[in-house]
Amino acid sequence: MADFLLVTDLDQTLLGDDKALIILNEMLEKKRREYDIKIVYCTGRSLKLYHQLNQVKPLLSPDALK
């Protein structure tokens, strides 16, 4: 598999359906281990607001946060 970079917004894109997020996280984590997929969250949130969100939502740790 070629190198893969997943870049996604958070609000109303990655977030919004908690059950689907859990399923997606499981799939992404497996592919991340197999293929070294990189994950980037591109958000308008401040770093402080991102960290607050990360306390209440099951977000995978990103390789980059923009």
C-alpha atoms as a PDB file:
ATOM      1  CA  MET A   1       0.000   0.000   0.000  1.00  0.00           C
ATOM      2  CA  ALA A   2       1.250   3.500  -0.797  1.00  0.00           C
ATOM      3  CA  ASP A   3       1.810   6.009   1.994  1.00  0.00           C
ATOM      4  CA  PHE A   4      -1.496   7.337   3.250  1.00  0.00           C
ATOM      5  CA  LEU A   5      -2.305  10.564   5.048  1.00  0.00           C
ATOM      6  CA  LEU A   6      -5.768  11.072   6.524  1.00  0.00           C
ATOM      7  CA  VAL A   7      -6.554  14.762   7.053  1.00  0.00           C
ATOM      8  CA  THR A   8      -9.918  15.587   8.584  1.00  0.00           C
ATOM      9  CA  ASP A   9     -11.794  18.374  10.295  1.00  0.00           C
ATOM     10  CA  LEU A  10     -13.355  17.525  13.638  1.00  0.00           C
ATOM     11  CA  ASP A  11     -16.685  19.281  14.147  1.00  0.00           C
ATOM     12  CA  GLN A  12     -19.527  17.906  12.007  1.00  0.00           C
ATOM     13  CA  THR A  13     -17.000  15.879   9.995  1.00  0.00           C
ATOM     14  CA  LEU A  14     -15.199  13.342  12.154  1.00  0.00           C
ATOM     15  CA  LEU A  15     -17.469  14.051  15.117  1.00  0.00           C
ATOM     16  CA  GLY A  16     -21.227  13.805  15.265  1.00  0.00           C
ATOM     17  CA  ASP A  17     -21.901  10.077  15.503  1.00  0.00           C
ATOM     18  CA  ASP A  18     -20.149   8.577  18.529  1.00  0.00           C
ATOM     19  CA  LYS A  19     -20.902   4.955  17.570  1.00  0.00           C
ATOM     20  CA  ALA A  20     -19.517   5.454  14.060  1.00  0.00           C
ATOM     21  CA  LEU A  21     -16.429   7.163  15.508  1.00  0.00           C
ATOM     22  CA  ILE A  22     -15.664   4.149  17.681  1.00  0.00           C
ATOM     23  CA  ILE A  23     -15.939   1.817  14.674  1.00  0.00           C
ATOM     24  CA  LEU A  24     -13.813   4.140  12.525  1.00  0.00           C
ATOM     25  CA  ASN A  25     -11.181   4.404  15.274  1.00  0.00           C
ATOM     26  CA  GLU A  26     -10.903   0.620  15.466  1.00  0.00           C
ATOM     27  CA  MET A  27     -10.451   0.353  11.695  1.00  0.00           C
ATOM     28  CA  LEU A  28      -7.980   3.244  11.531  1.00  0.00           C
ATOM     29  CA  GLU A  29      -5.914   1.958  14.430  1.00  0.00           C
ATOM     30  CA  LYS A  30      -5.585  -1.434  12.724  1.00  0.00           C
ATOM     31  CA  LYS A  31      -4.584   0.162   9.406  1.00  0.00           C
ATOM     32  CA  ARG A  32      -2.265   2.530  11.224  1.00  0.00           C
ATOM     33  CA  ARG A  33      -0.327  -0.402  12.663  1.00  0.00           C
ATOM     34  CA  GLU A  34      -0.316  -2.312   9.374  1.00  0.00           C
ATOM     35  CA  TYR A  35       0.536   0.534   6.998  1.00  0.00           C
ATOM     36  CA  ASP A  36       1.837   3.389   9.151  1.00  0.00           C
ATOM     37  CA  ILE A  37      -1.069   5.652   8.169  1.00  0.00           C
ATOM     38  CA  LYS A  38      -0.653   9.223   9.419  1.00  0.00           C
ATOM     39  CA  ILE A  39      -3.606  11.111  10.906  1.00  0.00           C
ATOM     40  CA  VAL A  40      -3.923  14.907  10.873  1.00  0.00           C
ATOM     41  CA  TYR A  41      -6.719  16.885  12.492  1.00  0.00           C
ATOM     42  CA  CYS A  42      -7.262  20.189  10.714  1.00  0.00           C
ATOM     43  CA  THR A  43      -9.535  22.254  12.945  1.00  0.00           C
ATOM     44  CA  GLY A  44     -10.494  25.803  13.757  1.00  0.00           C
ATOM     45  CA  ARG A  45     -10.386  24.920  17.447  1.00  0.00           C
ATOM     46  CA  SER A  46      -7.650  26.337  19.619  1.00  0.00           C
ATOM     47  CA  LEU A  47      -5.224  23.847  21.122  1.00  0.00           C
ATOM     48  CA  LYS A  48      -6.928  24.353  24.505  1.00  0.00           C
ATOM     49  CA  LEU A  49     -10.381  23.581  23.035  1.00  0.00           C
ATOM     50  CA  TYR A  50      -8.974  20.548  21.209  1.00  0.00           C
ATOM     51  CA  HIS A  51      -7.575  19.162  24.469  1.00  0.00           C
ATOM     52  CA  GLN A  52     -10.924  19.749  26.203  1.00  0.00           C
ATOM     53  CA  LEU A  53     -12.695  17.901  23.394  1.00  0.00           C
ATOM     54  CA  ASN A  54     -10.177  15.076  23.579  1.00  0.00           C
ATOM     55  CA  GLN A  55     -11.181  14.542  27.221  1.00  0.00           C
ATOM     56  CA  VAL A  56     -14.810  13.781  26.277  1.00  0.00           C
ATOM     57  CA  LYS A  57     -14.555  12.200  22.807  1.00  0.00           C
ATOM     58  CA  PRO A  58     -12.642   9.051  21.849  1.00  0.00           C
ATOM     59  CA  LEU A  59     -10.201  10.667  19.406  1.00  0.00           C
ATOM     60  CA  LEU A  60      -7.134   8.834  18.182  1.00  0.00           C
ATOM     61  CA  SER A  61      -3.887  10.630  18.869  1.00  0.00           C
ATOM     62  CA  PRO A  62      -3.041  12.556  15.702  1.00  0.00           C
ATOM     63  CA  ASP A  63       0.371  12.630  14.071  1.00  0.00           C
ATOM     64  CA  ALA A  64      -0.210  16.348  13.509  1.00  0.00           C
ATOM     65  CA  LEU A  65      -2.725  18.939  14.638  1.00  0.00           C
ATOM     66  CA  LYS A  66      -3.273  22.032  12.507  1.00  0.00           C
END
